[in-house]
C-alpha atoms as a PDB file:
ATOM      1  CA  MET A   1      81.372  -8.026-351.614  1.00  0.00           C
ATOM      2  CA  SER A   2      83.217  -9.004-348.419  1.00  0.00           C
ATOM      3  CA  TRP A   3      82.170 -11.897-346.360  1.00  0.00           C
ATOM      4  CA  TYR A   4      80.999  -9.556-343.516  1.00  0.00           C
ATOM      5  CA  GLN A   5      78.823  -7.655-345.902  1.00  0.00           C
ATOM      6  CA  HIS A   6      77.469 -10.888-347.388  1.00  0.00           C
ATOM      7  CA  ILE A   7      76.555 -12.028-343.707  1.00  0.00           C
ATOM      8  CA  THR A   8      74.813  -8.704-343.155  1.00  0.00           C
ATOM      9  CA  ASN A   9      72.685  -9.087-346.162  1.00  0.00           C
ATOM     10  CA  LEU A  10      71.976 -12.712-345.318  1.00  0.00           C
ATOM     11  CA  GLU A  11      70.888 -11.685-341.809  1.00  0.00           C
ATOM     12  CA  ASP A  12      68.497  -9.281-343.426  1.00  0.00           C
ATOM     13  CA  GLU A  13      67.111 -11.888-345.822  1.00  0.00           C
ATOM     14  CA  LEU A  14      66.755 -14.492-342.959  1.00  0.00           C
ATOM     15  CA  ALA A  15      64.900 -11.808-340.807  1.00  0.00           C
ATOM     16  CA  GLN A  16      62.385 -11.469-343.765  1.00  0.00           C
ATOM     17  CA  SER A  17      62.191 -15.263-344.020  1.00  0.00           C
ATOM     18  CA  LEU A  18      61.288 -15.236-340.402  1.00  0.00           C
ATOM     19  CA  GLY A  19      58.415 -13.018-340.926  1.00  0.00           C
ATOM     20  CA  ILE A  20      57.221 -15.189-343.645  1.00  0.00           C
ATOM     21  CA  PHE A  21      57.389 -18.273-341.608  1.00  0.00           C
ATOM     22  CA  TYR A  22      55.370 -16.654-338.802  1.00  0.00           C
ATOM     23  CA  MET A  23      52.802 -15.447-341.154  1.00  0.00           C
ATOM     24  CA  THR A  24      52.253 -18.683-343.135  1.00  0.00           C
ATOM     25  CA  ARG A  25      52.972 -21.460-340.375  1.00  0.00           C
ATOM     26  CA  HIS A  26      49.260 -21.687-339.447  1.00  0.00           C
ATOM     27  CA  TYR A  27      48.359 -22.259-343.046  1.00  0.00           C
ATOM     28  CA  LEU A  28      50.998 -24.610-344.324  1.00  0.00           C
ATOM     29  CA  THR A  29      51.739 -28.263-343.444  1.00  0.00           C
ATOM     30  CA  SER A  30      55.017 -29.080-341.841  1.00  0.00           C
ATOM     31  CA  SER A  31      56.276 -30.568-345.118  1.00  0.00           C
ATOM     32  CA  ALA A  32      55.289 -27.363-346.790  1.00  0.00           C
ATOM     33  CA  LEU A  33      57.147 -25.256-344.410  1.00  0.00           C
ATOM     34  CA  LYS A  34      60.254 -27.407-344.762  1.00  0.00           C
ATOM     35  CA  SER A  35      59.845 -26.768-348.656  1.00  0.00           C
ATOM     36  CA  VAL A  36      59.919 -23.171-347.956  1.00  0.00           C
ATOM     37  CA  TYR A  37      62.834 -23.400-345.878  1.00  0.00           C
ATOM     38  CA  PHE A  38      64.769 -25.173-348.346  1.00  0.00           C
ATOM     39  CA  CYS A  39      63.650 -22.582-351.028  1.00  0.00           C
ATOM     40  CA  LEU A  40      64.375 -19.429-349.002  1.00  0.00           C
ATOM     41  CA  VAL A  41      67.021 -20.335-346.404  1.00  0.00           C
ATOM     42  CA  TYR A  42      69.167 -23.433-346.920  1.00  0.00           C
ATOM     43  CA  GLY A  43      70.950 -22.461-350.157  1.00  0.00           C
ATOM     44  CA  HIS A  44      72.225 -19.362-348.570  1.00  0.00           C
ATOM     45  CA  LEU A  45      73.572 -21.294-345.539  1.00  0.00           C
ATOM     46  CA  GLN A  46      75.220 -23.834-347.774  1.00  0.00           C
ATOM     47  CA  TYR A  47      76.812 -20.919-349.389  1.00  0.00           C
ATOM     48  CA  VAL A  48      77.926 -19.262-346.138  1.00  0.00           C
ATOM     49  CA  ALA A  49      79.384 -22.633-344.923  1.00  0.00           C
ATOM     50  CA  TRP A  50      82.301 -21.994-347.321  1.00  0.00           C
ATOM     51  CA  GLY A  51      83.254 -18.478-346.084  1.00  0.00           C
ATOM     52  CA  ALA A  52      86.199 -18.200-343.575  1.00  0.00           C
ATOM     53  CA  VAL A  53      83.831 -16.324-341.328  1.00  0.00           C
ATOM     54  CA  PRO A  54      84.739 -15.950-337.527  1.00  0.00           C
ATOM     55  CA  LYS A  55      82.106 -17.542-335.140  1.00  0.00           C
ATOM     56  CA  THR A  56      81.464 -14.173-333.641  1.00  0.00           C
ATOM     57  CA  THR A  57      80.288 -12.867-337.074  1.00  0.00           C
ATOM     58  CA  LEU A  58      77.986 -15.975-337.332  1.00  0.00           C
ATOM     59  CA  ASN A  59      76.330 -15.770-334.040  1.00  0.00           C
ATOM     60  CA  HIS A  60      73.343 -13.572-335.037  1.00  0.00           C
ATOM     61  CA  LEU A  61      72.956 -15.766-338.124  1.00  0.00           C
ATOM     62  CA  ASN A  62      72.579 -18.664-335.690  1.00  0.00           C
ATOM     63  CA  VAL A  63      70.209 -16.844-333.717  1.00  0.00           C
ATOM     64  CA  LEU A  64      67.799 -16.221-336.664  1.00  0.00           C
ATOM     65  CA  HIS A  65      68.311 -19.587-337.853  1.00  0.00           C
ATOM     66  CA  ASN A  66      67.215 -21.079-334.444  1.00  0.00           C
ATOM     67  CA  LYS A  67      64.365 -18.796-334.669  1.00  0.00           C
ATOM     68  CA  LEU A  68      63.337 -20.060-337.954  1.00  0.00           C
ATOM     69  CA  VAL A  69      63.430 -23.585-336.642  1.00  0.00           C
ATOM     70  CA  GLN A  70      61.295 -22.636-333.543  1.00  0.00           C
ATOM     71  CA  ALA A  71      58.666 -20.931-335.736  1.00  0.00           C
ATOM     72  CA  MET A  72      58.526 -23.940-338.001  1.00  0.00           C
ATOM     73  CA  ASN A  73      57.739 -26.133-335.079  1.00  0.00           C
ATOM     74  CA  PHE A  74      55.399 -23.766-333.186  1.00  0.00           C
ATOM     75  CA  ALA A  75      57.915 -23.713-330.218  1.00  0.00           C
ATOM     76  CA  SER A  76      58.334 -20.722-327.886  1.00  0.00           C
ATOM     77  CA  CYS A  77      61.231 -18.514-327.978  1.00  0.00           C
ATOM     78  CA  ARG A  78      62.681 -20.212-324.823  1.00  0.00           C
ATOM     79  CA  SER A  79      62.623 -23.805-326.091  1.00  0.00           C
ATOM     80  CA  HIS A  80      65.910 -25.565-326.789  1.00  0.00           C
ATOM     81  CA  VAL A  81      66.684 -25.656-330.428  1.00  0.00           C
ATOM     82  CA  THR A  82      68.634 -29.077-330.762  1.00  0.00           C
ATOM     83  CA  PRO A  83      65.534 -31.316-330.258  1.00  0.00           C
ATOM     84  CA  LEU A  84      63.833 -29.115-332.714  1.00  0.00           C
ATOM     85  CA  TYR A  85      66.537 -29.605-335.459  1.00  0.00           C
ATOM     86  CA  HIS A  86      66.225 -33.413-334.710  1.00  0.00           C
ATOM     87  CA  GLN A  87      62.554 -33.376-334.888  1.00  0.00           C
ATOM     88  CA  SER A  88      62.637 -31.472-338.270  1.00  0.00           C
ATOM     89  CA  ASN A  89      65.422 -33.287-339.467  1.00  0.00           C
ATOM     90  CA  LEU A  90      67.485 -30.279-340.267  1.00  0.00           C
ATOM     91  CA  LEU A  91      71.037 -29.214-339.759  1.00  0.00           C
ATOM     92  CA  LYS A  92      72.575 -26.475-337.678  1.00  0.00           C
ATOM     93  CA  ILE A  93      74.810 -24.053-339.615  1.00  0.00           C
ATOM     94  CA  ASN A  94      78.024 -25.604-338.120  1.00  0.00           C
ATOM     95  CA  ASP A  95      76.647 -29.114-339.186  1.00  0.00           C
ATOM     96  CA  ILE A  96      76.055 -27.744-342.809  1.00  0.00           C
ATOM     97  CA  HIS A  97      79.654 -26.534-342.998  1.00  0.00           C
ATOM     98  CA  HIS A  98      80.809 -30.146-341.949  1.00  0.00           C
ATOM     99  CA  LEU A  99      78.563 -31.546-344.667  1.00  0.00           C
ATOM    100  CA  GLU A 100      79.729 -29.283-347.424  1.00  0.00           C
ATOM    101  CA  ILE A 101      83.638 -30.066-346.428  1.00  0.00           C
ATOM    102  CA  ALA A 102      82.751 -33.691-346.444  1.00  0.00           C
ATOM    103  CA  LYS A 103      81.119 -33.696-349.796  1.00  0.00           C
ATOM    104  CA  MET A 104      83.815 -31.894-351.219  1.00  0.00           C
ATOM    105  CA  MET A 105      86.400 -34.414-349.897  1.00  0.00           C
ATOM    106  CA  HIS A 106      84.157 -37.228-351.179  1.00  0.00           C
ATOM    107  CA  CYS A 107      84.330 -35.630-354.854  1.00  0.00           C
ATOM    108  CA  LEU A 108      88.120 -35.093-354.584  1.00  0.00           C
ATOM    109  CA  HIS A 109      88.547 -38.720-353.407  1.00  0.00           C
ATOM    110  CA  ASN A 110      86.484 -40.066-356.229  1.00  0.00           C
ATOM    111  CA  GLY A 111      88.243 -37.718-358.901  1.00  0.00           C
ATOM    112  CA  LYS A 112      85.033 -35.566-359.505  1.00  0.00           C
ATOM    113  CA  LEU A 113      86.577 -32.110-358.737  1.00  0.00           C
ATOM    114  CA  PRO A 114      88.828 -30.279-361.391  1.00  0.00           C
ATOM    115  CA  GLN A 115      92.499 -31.083-361.377  1.00  0.00           C
ATOM    116  CA  THR A 116      93.227 -27.564-359.747  1.00  0.00           C
ATOM    117  CA  PHE A 117      91.842 -29.041-356.680  1.00  0.00           C
ATOM    118  CA  ASP A 118      94.123 -32.004-356.671  1.00  0.00           C
ATOM    119  CA  ASP A 119      97.085 -29.961-357.173  1.00  0.00           C
ATOM    120  CA  TYR A 120      96.012 -27.601-354.405  1.00  0.00           C
ATOM    121  CA  PHE A 121      95.531 -30.292-351.817  1.00  0.00           C
ATOM    122  CA  ALA A 122      98.808 -31.926-352.855  1.00  0.00           C
ATOM    123  CA  GLN A 123     100.514 -28.801-352.248  1.00  0.00           C
ATOM    124  CA  LEU A 124      98.981 -28.223-348.812  1.00  0.00           C
ATOM    125  CA  LEU A 125      99.865 -31.750-347.747  1.00  0.00           C
ATOM    126  CA  GLN A 126     103.515 -31.443-348.758  1.00  0.00           C
ATOM    127  CA  PHE A 127     103.563 -28.008-346.927  1.00  0.00           C
ATOM    128  CA  THR A 128     102.177 -29.634-343.718  1.00  0.00           C
ATOM    129  CA  LEU A 129     104.438 -32.601-343.877  1.00  0.00           C
ATOM    130  CA  THR A 130     107.744 -30.739-344.328  1.00  0.00           C
END
């Protein structure tokens, strides 16, 4: 499956999750909603963070993610999402991408990745230095 097809499938799943959030948000606590978010959404966003996907392709995914955060916080569709992310203690898709890269670099620095990655990054470093 190509990244574009994967993003399209993920958009469908997030749209379904959005419906679940709108239907259940009145019956669940904020911590329960956050647990549902991590079960249904966050793992997929972590996986997308590794793909080389253009920003234009991720735009609709960002919009759906913002709507999910607004639904979790009972905010209107016109409210700014950055304060809602802070209030919910959640990350935007771009921030998830940076976190995943930082976690990988931490594992690489501490020797917790397979040796294949050591050789890969050494080759890239030599290529950029020459």
